[in-house]
Amino acid sequence: EEMNAAVAAVRAALEHGLIRAAATAVRVHREFPLTLRERHGFVEGKVDLAFSDGTAWTLVDFKTDEEIEPALRSYRAQLLWYAYGLERITGLPVRAYLLNV
């Protein structure tokens, strides 16, 4: 039963439009470490997926929570930090998405 659920989750993720767009991107990064030096110290994280068409970046943070709502505020804050960091590093606009699989 768990294996079938895992297969269904992977299949749904691979068929998602964001993942299809990543497959044709000019640049793709998985598990991309990100460190920002801010006024009060460092912010560190690992971006699940970032891809670019050369004019902008798309950032995807995968979540596997059965009930995502309790953690959504925290996840959104994390995603905004990642997007901010990627934009600062690359100088390109960033579109950021949470993808619950």
C-alpha atoms as a PDB file:
ATOM      1  CA  GLU A   1       0.000   0.000   0.000  1.00  0.00           C
ATOM      2  CA  GLU A   2       2.826   2.419   0.894  1.00  0.00           C
ATOM      3  CA  MET A   3       4.735   1.495  -2.243  1.00  0.00           C
ATOM      4  CA  ASN A   4       1.687   2.213  -4.406  1.00  0.00           C
ATOM      5  CA  ALA A   5       1.244   5.588  -2.706  1.00  0.00           C
ATOM      6  CA  ALA A   6       4.927   6.425  -3.305  1.00  0.00           C
ATOM      7  CA  VAL A   7       4.690   5.451  -6.973  1.00  0.00           C
ATOM      8  CA  ALA A   8       1.561   7.584  -7.384  1.00  0.00           C
ATOM      9  CA  ALA A   9       3.273  10.575  -5.748  1.00  0.00           C
ATOM     10  CA  VAL A  10       6.347  10.278  -7.967  1.00  0.00           C
ATOM     11  CA  ARG A  11       4.224   9.875 -11.083  1.00  0.00           C
ATOM     12  CA  ALA A  12       2.135  12.948 -10.208  1.00  0.00           C
ATOM     13  CA  ALA A  13       5.267  15.008  -9.564  1.00  0.00           C
ATOM     14  CA  LEU A  14       6.912  13.954 -12.845  1.00  0.00           C
ATOM     15  CA  GLU A  15       3.763  14.844 -14.784  1.00  0.00           C
ATOM     16  CA  HIS A  16       3.452  18.273 -13.163  1.00  0.00           C
ATOM     17  CA  GLY A  17       3.949  21.262 -15.463  1.00  0.00           C
ATOM     18  CA  LEU A  18       6.790  22.654 -13.356  1.00  0.00           C
ATOM     19  CA  ILE A  19       8.791  19.457 -13.701  1.00  0.00           C
ATOM     20  CA  ARG A  20       8.097  19.306 -17.420  1.00  0.00           C
ATOM     21  CA  ALA A  21       9.351  22.888 -17.741  1.00  0.00           C
ATOM     22  CA  ALA A  22      12.517  21.984 -15.830  1.00  0.00           C
ATOM     23  CA  ALA A  23      13.194  19.203 -18.327  1.00  0.00           C
ATOM     24  CA  THR A  24      13.559  21.770 -21.120  1.00  0.00           C
ATOM     25  CA  ALA A  25      15.319  24.510 -19.142  1.00  0.00           C
ATOM     26  CA  VAL A  26      18.636  26.081 -20.112  1.00  0.00           C
ATOM     27  CA  ARG A  27      20.022  25.555 -16.567  1.00  0.00           C
ATOM     28  CA  VAL A  28      18.835  23.190 -13.856  1.00  0.00           C
ATOM     29  CA  HIS A  29      20.057  22.771 -10.287  1.00  0.00           C
ATOM     30  CA  ARG A  30      18.905  20.130  -7.776  1.00  0.00           C
ATOM     31  CA  GLU A  31      19.682  20.212  -4.069  1.00  0.00           C
ATOM     32  CA  PHE A  32      21.349  23.575  -4.617  1.00  0.00           C
ATOM     33  CA  PRO A  33      23.031  24.891  -1.434  1.00  0.00           C
ATOM     34  CA  LEU A  34      22.262  28.525  -0.751  1.00  0.00           C
ATOM     35  CA  THR A  35      23.990  30.727   1.824  1.00  0.00           C
ATOM     36  CA  LEU A  36      23.164  34.393   2.307  1.00  0.00           C
ATOM     37  CA  ARG A  37      25.126  36.757   4.468  1.00  0.00           C
ATOM     38  CA  GLU A  38      22.698  39.141   6.054  1.00  0.00           C
ATOM     39  CA  ARG A  39      23.094  41.937   8.556  1.00  0.00           C
ATOM     40  CA  HIS A  40      22.500  39.627  11.541  1.00  0.00           C
ATOM     41  CA  GLY A  41      24.372  36.559  10.305  1.00  0.00           C
ATOM     42  CA  PHE A  42      23.976  33.843   7.734  1.00  0.00           C
ATOM     43  CA  VAL A  43      20.871  32.197   6.298  1.00  0.00           C
ATOM     44  CA  GLU A  44      21.491  28.744   4.866  1.00  0.00           C
ATOM     45  CA  GLY A  45      19.326  26.262   3.047  1.00  0.00           C
ATOM     46  CA  LYS A  46      19.136  23.808   0.220  1.00  0.00           C
ATOM     47  CA  VAL A  47      16.927  24.564  -2.791  1.00  0.00           C
ATOM     48  CA  ASP A  48      15.177  21.425  -4.021  1.00  0.00           C
ATOM     49  CA  LEU A  49      14.924  22.526  -7.659  1.00  0.00           C
ATOM     50  CA  ALA A  50      15.858  25.701  -9.523  1.00  0.00           C
ATOM     51  CA  PHE A  51      15.769  26.097 -13.279  1.00  0.00           C
ATOM     52  CA  SER A  52      16.150  28.929 -15.748  1.00  0.00           C
ATOM     53  CA  ASP A  53      15.162  29.758 -19.288  1.00  0.00           C
ATOM     54  CA  GLY A  54      17.933  32.357 -19.376  1.00  0.00           C
ATOM     55  CA  THR A  55      15.691  35.312 -18.499  1.00  0.00           C
ATOM     56  CA  ALA A  56      14.227  34.233 -15.147  1.00  0.00           C
ATOM     57  CA  TRP A  57      14.482  31.469 -12.558  1.00  0.00           C
ATOM     58  CA  THR A  58      11.817  29.112 -11.321  1.00  0.00           C
ATOM     59  CA  LEU A  59      12.326  27.740  -7.845  1.00  0.00           C
ATOM     60  CA  VAL A  60      10.444  24.675  -6.590  1.00  0.00           C
ATOM     61  CA  ASP A  61      10.398  23.513  -2.984  1.00  0.00           C
ATOM     62  CA  PHE A  62       8.993  20.000  -2.626  1.00  0.00           C
ATOM     63  CA  LYS A  63       6.944  19.089   0.432  1.00  0.00           C
ATOM     64  CA  THR A  64       5.586  15.665   1.328  1.00  0.00           C
ATOM     65  CA  ASP A  65       3.379  16.573   4.291  1.00  0.00           C
ATOM     66  CA  GLU A  66       0.090  14.741   4.477  1.00  0.00           C
ATOM     67  CA  GLU A  67      -1.361  17.846   6.154  1.00  0.00           C
ATOM     68  CA  ILE A  68       0.546  20.865   4.839  1.00  0.00           C
ATOM     69  CA  GLU A  69      -1.650  23.594   6.311  1.00  0.00           C
ATOM     70  CA  PRO A  70      -0.065  23.647   9.828  1.00  0.00           C
ATOM     71  CA  ALA A  71       3.408  24.290   8.383  1.00  0.00           C
ATOM     72  CA  LEU A  72       2.404  26.450   5.425  1.00  0.00           C
ATOM     73  CA  ARG A  73       3.405  29.769   6.988  1.00  0.00           C
ATOM     74  CA  SER A  74       6.887  28.452   7.784  1.00  0.00           C
ATOM     75  CA  TYR A  75       7.249  26.869   4.346  1.00  0.00           C
ATOM     76  CA  ARG A  76       6.257  30.111   2.612  1.00  0.00           C
ATOM     77  CA  ALA A  77       8.797  32.085   4.650  1.00  0.00           C
ATOM     78  CA  GLN A  78      11.505  29.572   3.720  1.00  0.00           C
ATOM     79  CA  LEU A  79      10.511  29.783   0.056  1.00  0.00           C
ATOM     80  CA  LEU A  80      10.659  33.597   0.104  1.00  0.00           C
ATOM     81  CA  TRP A  81      14.183  33.495   1.572  1.00  0.00           C
ATOM     82  CA  TYR A  82      15.275  31.074  -1.138  1.00  0.00           C
ATOM     83  CA  ALA A  83      13.748  33.237  -3.869  1.00  0.00           C
ATOM     84  CA  TYR A  84      15.331  36.378  -2.422  1.00  0.00           C
ATOM     85  CA  GLY A  85      18.731  34.684  -2.278  1.00  0.00           C
ATOM     86  CA  LEU A  86      18.556  33.280  -5.781  1.00  0.00           C
ATOM     87  CA  GLU A  87      17.543  36.674  -7.151  1.00  0.00           C
ATOM     88  CA  ARG A  88      20.433  38.367  -5.337  1.00  0.00           C
ATOM     89  CA  ILE A  89      22.921  35.797  -6.615  1.00  0.00           C
ATOM     90  CA  THR A  90      21.782  35.709 -10.242  1.00  0.00           C
ATOM     91  CA  GLY A  91      20.323  39.182 -10.777  1.00  0.00           C
ATOM     92  CA  LEU A  92      17.339  37.583 -12.515  1.00  0.00           C
ATOM     93  CA  PRO A  93      13.700  37.536 -11.392  1.00  0.00           C
ATOM     94  CA  VAL A  94      12.528  34.415  -9.539  1.00  0.00           C
ATOM     95  CA  ARG A  95       9.144  32.694  -9.530  1.00  0.00           C
ATOM     96  CA  ALA A  96       8.829  30.432  -6.492  1.00  0.00           C
ATOM     97  CA  TYR A  97       6.483  27.487  -5.906  1.00  0.00           C
ATOM     98  CA  LEU A  98       5.714  25.011  -3.152  1.00  0.00           C
ATOM     99  CA  LEU A  99       4.899  21.630  -4.647  1.00  0.00           C
ATOM    100  CA  ASN A 100       3.235  19.225  -2.234  1.00  0.00           C
ATOM    101  CA  VAL A 101       3.674  15.690  -3.515  1.00  0.00           C
END
